[in-house]
Amino acid sequence: MILLRWLAGLAFRGRELVSLLVFVGFGMWISSQSPQTQSHLRIALTGSVLFPVQAIVSKVVFRRGLQAELDRLRTENVKLQQDKAVLLQLGDFQTSLREFEGIRGNLRHPVVGARLVSRDPLRLGGLWIVDVGSDSGVKEGMAVLSSTGLVGRVLSSSNTHAKVQSLADPDCRVAVLSTRSMNPGILHSIDGSGVFVEFSVTSDIKTGDTLMTWGAGGIFPRGIPVGQVGSIRKTPANVLRTASVAPFQDPWSVNAVFVLLRPPSLRVMSDSFLSTVPGKSEVRR
């Protein structure tokens, strides 16, 4: 036991020399083997020594390649999502265009199609920007409609875009008629959350009546469908009645519209008549 401890201590103190002797002895032993055995030993030693390094390098390369592929796929996915959104918008516009052809023959003025590109977030009812402007003949005051009914009017236009005021905007006023009784009323929105019509307490307007534009005021031509009358209630003074209206074109979901290329005509209502109706004009800012 003492001899083994002495040999171990000697080996530890001279470990460099011991390592050299072991390496030389191992080399001499390999040299004495046959070429076939030497080849097997080289392959085994090389694999055992270099395998961990090779595994680490391969893992790093794989992860870098995988990350690059993920980045490429994410970029392609974003582009595909953008292309899909554009195609869906074009599809909706084409559908609206086909539906609009059914009523286009009833209009005596040309129209230009437009897509909604943005909304004013501060106005609940709707101030919109559409992608047509004066270059396409769009001017202030022109009526805006869809394949199902009236949408609003053009407030202003630049070369390539126009600002549109919808029926649900609180500053909007539209003169309408009941297609059944031909009695008039004024369409408006109180806070942008709904559309209503006000009419005289003696007017023959009933739940279920269809409303169309009257033509008074010169902004909207007569006969454009607007909506259907809902529940009716009296005002506190019992001078007017107010009824909810379900627009044929929902102002909050419209995407594609058509601008009627008809400049507003002169007002036909007298000042005395304007003083008797709320709003005093069809559409005002």
Protein backbone atom coordinates (compact mmCIF):
# COMPACT_ATOMS: atom_id res chain seq x y z
CA MET A 1 0.00 0.00 0.00
CA ILE A 2 2.84 2.39 0.91
CA LEU A 3 4.57 1.49 -2.34
CA LEU A 4 1.42 2.27 -4.35
CA ARG A 5 1.03 5.64 -2.63
CA TRP A 6 4.67 6.45 -3.37
CA LEU A 7 4.24 5.53 -7.04
CA ALA A 8 1.04 7.62 -7.25
CA GLY A 9 2.72 10.62 -5.69
CA LEU A 10 5.69 10.25 -8.02
CA ALA A 11 3.40 10.05 -11.01
CA PHE A 12 1.45 13.14 -9.88
CA ARG A 13 4.60 15.20 -9.37
CA GLY A 14 5.94 14.18 -12.75
CA ARG A 15 2.66 14.03 -14.59
CA GLU A 16 4.02 15.80 -17.68
CA LEU A 17 6.71 13.15 -18.02
CA VAL A 18 4.23 10.37 -17.34
CA SER A 19 1.88 11.76 -19.98
CA LEU A 20 4.72 11.91 -22.47
CA LEU A 21 5.75 8.32 -21.72
CA VAL A 22 2.14 7.12 -22.07
CA PHE A 23 1.74 8.99 -25.36
CA VAL A 24 5.04 7.59 -26.74
CA GLY A 25 4.18 4.10 -25.55
CA PHE A 26 0.73 4.30 -27.10
CA GLY A 27 2.22 5.53 -30.36
CA MET A 28 4.76 2.71 -30.44
CA TRP A 29 1.99 0.21 -29.75
CA ILE A 30 -0.12 1.55 -32.61
CA SER A 31 2.92 1.49 -34.93
CA SER A 32 3.39 -2.18 -34.20
CA GLN A 33 -0.14 -3.03 -35.31
CA SER A 34 -1.19 -4.02 -38.81
CA PRO A 35 -2.31 -1.30 -41.26
CA GLN A 36 -5.92 -2.52 -41.03
CA THR A 37 -5.90 -2.29 -37.25
CA GLN A 38 -4.29 1.15 -37.39
CA SER A 39 -7.05 2.34 -39.76
CA HIS A 40 -9.76 1.10 -37.41
CA LEU A 41 -8.06 2.76 -34.44
CA ARG A 42 -7.73 6.11 -36.27
CA ILE A 43 -11.41 6.08 -37.22
CA ALA A 44 -12.46 5.22 -33.68
CA LEU A 45 -10.24 7.82 -32.04
CA THR A 46 -11.17 10.53 -34.53
CA GLY A 47 -14.87 9.86 -34.06
CA SER A 48 -14.70 9.81 -30.27
CA VAL A 49 -12.61 12.96 -30.01
CA LEU A 50 -14.25 15.09 -32.75
CA PHE A 51 -17.86 13.93 -32.36
CA PRO A 52 -18.78 16.40 -29.56
CA VAL A 53 -17.27 19.30 -31.51
CA GLN A 54 -19.01 18.22 -34.68
CA ALA A 55 -22.32 17.85 -32.85
CA ILE A 56 -22.09 21.36 -31.38
CA VAL A 57 -21.15 22.91 -34.73
CA SER A 58 -23.98 21.07 -36.50
CA LYS A 59 -26.46 22.21 -33.88
CA VAL A 60 -25.40 25.86 -34.20
CA VAL A 61 -25.58 25.72 -37.99
CA PHE A 62 -29.00 24.04 -37.84
CA ARG A 63 -30.39 26.64 -35.45
CA ARG A 64 -29.11 29.52 -37.59
CA GLY A 65 -30.59 27.97 -40.69
CA LEU A 66 -33.88 27.32 -38.91
CA GLN A 67 -34.06 30.92 -37.64
CA ALA A 68 -33.36 32.26 -41.13
CA GLU A 69 -36.10 30.03 -42.54
CA LEU A 70 -38.55 31.18 -39.87
CA ASP A 71 -37.76 34.83 -40.62
CA ARG A 72 -38.33 34.20 -44.33
CA LEU A 73 -41.64 32.43 -43.67
CA ARG A 74 -42.82 35.24 -41.36
CA THR A 75 -42.04 37.82 -44.05
CA GLU A 76 -43.87 35.79 -46.68
CA ASN A 77 -46.84 35.33 -44.33
CA VAL A 78 -47.15 39.09 -43.77
CA LYS A 79 -47.04 39.69 -47.52
CA LEU A 80 -49.65 36.99 -48.15
CA GLN A 81 -51.92 38.49 -45.49
CA GLN A 82 -51.61 41.89 -47.14
CA ASP A 83 -52.35 40.42 -50.56
CA LYS A 84 -55.34 38.55 -49.11
CA ALA A 85 -56.75 41.75 -47.61
CA VAL A 86 -56.41 43.55 -50.95
CA LEU A 87 -58.06 40.66 -52.81
CA LEU A 88 -60.94 40.58 -50.31
CA GLN A 89 -61.49 44.31 -50.76
CA LEU A 90 -61.45 43.93 -54.53
CA GLY A 91 -63.86 41.00 -54.25
CA ASP A 92 -66.27 43.07 -52.12
CA PHE A 93 -66.00 45.93 -54.60
CA GLN A 94 -66.73 43.62 -57.54
CA THR A 95 -69.75 42.20 -55.71
CA SER A 96 -71.05 45.70 -54.98
CA LEU A 97 -70.47 46.68 -58.61
CA ARG A 98 -72.51 43.72 -59.88
CA GLU A 99 -75.32 44.52 -57.42
CA PHE A 100 -75.22 48.19 -58.41
CA GLU A 101 -75.79 47.36 -62.08
CA GLY A 102 -79.37 46.45 -61.15
CA ILE A 103 -80.24 50.04 -60.19
CA ARG A 104 -77.81 51.92 -62.41
CA GLY A 105 -80.37 52.12 -65.21
CA ASN A 106 -82.67 54.16 -62.95
CA LEU A 107 -80.07 56.90 -62.47
CA ARG A 108 -79.91 59.79 -64.92
CA HIS A 109 -76.31 60.66 -64.09
CA PRO A 110 -73.03 58.74 -64.35
CA VAL A 111 -71.32 57.31 -61.27
CA VAL A 112 -67.76 56.55 -60.25
CA GLY A 113 -66.86 53.69 -57.91
CA ALA A 114 -64.76 54.26 -54.79
CA ARG A 115 -63.40 52.33 -51.83
CA LEU A 116 -63.35 53.46 -48.23
CA VAL A 117 -59.71 53.87 -47.15
CA SER A 118 -60.04 55.43 -43.68
CA ARG A 119 -62.51 56.72 -41.08
CA ASP A 120 -62.34 59.64 -38.67
CA PRO A 121 -62.01 57.94 -35.25
CA LEU A 122 -63.30 61.05 -33.46
CA ARG A 123 -66.68 61.07 -35.24
CA LEU A 124 -68.78 58.03 -34.34
CA GLY A 125 -71.26 58.41 -37.16
CA GLY A 126 -68.84 58.72 -39.99
CA LEU A 127 -66.51 61.04 -41.82
CA TRP A 128 -64.73 58.85 -44.33
CA ILE A 129 -61.97 59.14 -46.90
CA VAL A 130 -62.53 57.42 -50.25
CA ASP A 131 -59.97 56.76 -52.98
CA VAL A 132 -61.42 59.00 -55.72
CA GLY A 133 -61.25 62.76 -56.07
CA SER A 134 -61.50 65.67 -58.44
CA ASP A 135 -59.38 63.86 -61.04
CA SER A 136 -62.36 61.47 -61.38
CA GLY A 137 -64.91 64.29 -61.47
CA VAL A 138 -65.83 64.10 -57.77
CA LYS A 139 -66.81 67.47 -56.28
CA GLU A 140 -68.20 68.84 -53.04
CA GLY A 141 -71.89 68.17 -52.48
CA MET A 142 -72.23 65.10 -54.70
CA ALA A 143 -74.40 62.27 -53.42
CA VAL A 144 -72.75 58.99 -52.35
CA LEU A 145 -74.68 55.73 -52.54
CA SER A 146 -74.23 51.98 -52.57
CA SER A 147 -75.99 49.16 -54.39
CA THR A 148 -78.69 49.14 -51.69
CA GLY A 149 -79.27 52.79 -50.85
CA LEU A 150 -78.06 56.24 -49.90
CA VAL A 151 -74.77 56.52 -47.99
CA GLY A 152 -74.07 60.26 -47.64
CA ARG A 153 -72.48 63.10 -49.55
CA VAL A 154 -69.05 64.47 -50.48
CA LEU A 155 -67.83 67.18 -48.10
CA SER A 156 -64.61 68.01 -49.93
CA SER A 157 -62.24 66.54 -52.49
CA SER A 158 -58.59 66.63 -53.45
CA ASN A 159 -57.08 65.31 -56.68
CA THR A 160 -57.16 61.64 -55.67
CA HIS A 161 -59.31 61.43 -52.53
CA ALA A 162 -62.54 62.80 -51.12
CA LYS A 163 -64.08 63.24 -47.66
CA VAL A 164 -67.55 61.73 -47.30
CA GLN A 165 -70.18 62.50 -44.65
CA SER A 166 -72.40 59.49 -43.93
CA LEU A 167 -76.06 59.45 -42.91
CA ALA A 168 -74.99 58.49 -39.39
CA ASP A 169 -72.96 61.67 -38.88
CA PRO A 170 -74.67 63.88 -36.25
CA ASP A 171 -74.36 66.93 -38.55
CA CYS A 172 -76.16 65.23 -41.43
CA ARG A 173 -79.71 66.22 -42.48
CA VAL A 174 -81.54 64.64 -45.42
CA ALA A 175 -85.03 65.49 -46.69
CA VAL A 176 -86.96 62.25 -47.26
CA LEU A 177 -90.40 61.07 -48.33
CA SER A 178 -92.52 58.05 -47.50
CA THR A 179 -92.96 56.12 -50.75
CA ARG A 180 -96.45 55.08 -49.57
CA SER A 181 -97.98 58.41 -48.53
CA MET A 182 -95.41 60.81 -50.08
CA ASN A 183 -95.33 62.69 -46.73
CA PRO A 184 -92.00 64.38 -45.98
CA GLY A 185 -89.60 64.17 -43.04
CA ILE A 186 -86.05 65.02 -42.06
CA LEU A 187 -83.54 62.18 -41.59
CA HIS A 188 -80.77 62.71 -39.03
CA SER A 189 -78.62 61.03 -36.40
CA ILE A 190 -78.57 62.20 -32.79
CA ASP A 191 -75.22 60.83 -31.63
CA GLY A 192 -73.95 58.65 -34.49
CA SER A 193 -75.32 55.46 -32.97
CA GLY A 194 -78.59 55.40 -34.92
CA VAL A 195 -80.58 57.10 -37.68
CA PHE A 196 -83.99 58.71 -37.12
CA VAL A 197 -86.62 60.61 -39.09
CA GLU A 198 -88.63 63.56 -37.74
CA PHE A 199 -91.97 64.45 -39.29
CA SER A 200 -95.07 66.44 -38.50
CA VAL A 201 -97.56 64.95 -36.06
CA THR A 202 -100.15 65.14 -38.86
CA SER A 203 -98.00 63.34 -41.44
CA ASP A 204 -99.07 59.91 -42.61
CA ILE A 205 -95.88 57.95 -41.87
CA LYS A 206 -96.19 54.46 -40.42
CA THR A 207 -93.92 51.70 -39.18
CA GLY A 208 -92.67 49.71 -42.16
CA ASP A 209 -92.82 52.62 -44.63
CA THR A 210 -89.97 52.89 -47.11
CA LEU A 211 -88.17 56.24 -47.23
CA MET A 212 -86.53 57.77 -50.30
CA THR A 213 -84.78 61.08 -50.92
CA TRP A 214 -87.14 63.97 -51.53
CA GLY A 215 -84.87 66.09 -53.72
CA ALA A 216 -85.55 69.26 -51.72
CA GLY A 217 -82.42 71.30 -51.14
CA GLY A 218 -80.64 70.22 -54.32
CA ILE A 219 -78.07 67.89 -52.75
CA PHE A 220 -79.69 64.52 -53.35
CA PRO A 221 -81.80 63.75 -56.42
CA ARG A 222 -85.30 62.53 -55.77
CA GLY A 223 -85.94 58.79 -55.51
CA ILE A 224 -82.79 57.29 -53.95
CA PRO A 225 -83.76 54.54 -51.44
CA VAL A 226 -82.85 55.46 -47.88
CA GLY A 227 -84.31 53.04 -45.33
CA GLN A 228 -87.33 51.61 -43.57
CA VAL A 229 -89.28 53.25 -40.74
CA GLY A 230 -89.19 51.49 -37.36
CA SER A 231 -90.85 52.38 -34.08
CA ILE A 232 -92.53 55.79 -33.83
CA ARG A 233 -92.85 58.04 -30.78
CA LYS A 234 -94.13 61.55 -30.10
CA THR A 235 -91.92 64.39 -28.95
CA PRO A 236 -92.70 66.03 -25.56
CA ALA A 237 -94.24 69.08 -27.26
CA ASN A 238 -96.41 66.78 -29.41
CA VAL A 239 -95.56 68.86 -32.49
CA LEU A 240 -93.28 66.38 -34.20
CA ARG A 241 -92.92 62.64 -34.23
CA THR A 242 -89.66 60.75 -34.30
CA ALA A 243 -89.15 57.28 -35.76
CA SER A 244 -86.13 55.05 -35.87
CA VAL A 245 -84.90 54.16 -39.34
CA ALA A 246 -83.09 51.04 -40.53
CA PRO A 247 -80.94 52.28 -43.45
CA PHE A 248 -80.86 50.05 -46.51
CA GLN A 249 -77.09 50.56 -46.46
CA ASP A 250 -75.64 50.17 -42.97
CA PRO A 251 -73.36 53.23 -42.56
CA TRP A 252 -71.09 51.36 -40.17
CA SER A 253 -70.27 48.44 -42.49
CA VAL A 254 -69.94 50.07 -45.92
CA ASN A 255 -66.71 49.42 -47.85
CA ALA A 256 -67.50 50.19 -51.49
CA VAL A 257 -69.52 53.22 -52.60
CA PHE A 258 -70.49 55.07 -55.76
CA VAL A 259 -70.41 58.83 -56.22
CA LEU A 260 -73.20 60.26 -58.34
CA LEU A 261 -71.51 62.72 -60.70
CA ARG A 262 -74.28 65.27 -60.40
CA PRO A 263 -73.37 68.73 -59.10
CA PRO A 264 -75.81 70.01 -56.45
CA SER A 265 -78.60 72.11 -57.98
CA LEU A 266 -80.01 75.34 -56.56
CA ARG A 267 -82.13 75.04 -53.43
CA VAL A 268 -85.83 74.98 -54.10
CA MET A 269 -86.99 75.44 -50.49
CA SER A 270 -87.85 78.92 -49.29
CA ASP A 271 -86.40 80.43 -46.13
CA SER A 272 -89.82 80.26 -44.50
CA PHE A 273 -89.97 76.51 -45.10
CA LEU A 274 -86.42 75.99 -43.86
CA SER A 275 -87.29 77.72 -40.62
CA THR A 276 -89.98 75.13 -39.93
CA VAL A 277 -87.84 72.00 -40.23
CA PRO A 278 -84.95 70.87 -38.03
CA GLY A 279 -81.49 71.20 -39.47
CA LYS A 280 -82.47 73.95 -42.01
CA SER A 281 -80.66 72.08 -44.77
CA GLU A 282 -80.32 68.61 -46.16
CA VAL A 283 -76.70 68.18 -45.18
CA ARG A 284 -74.55 70.63 -43.31
CA ARG A 285 -71.11 70.54 -41.78
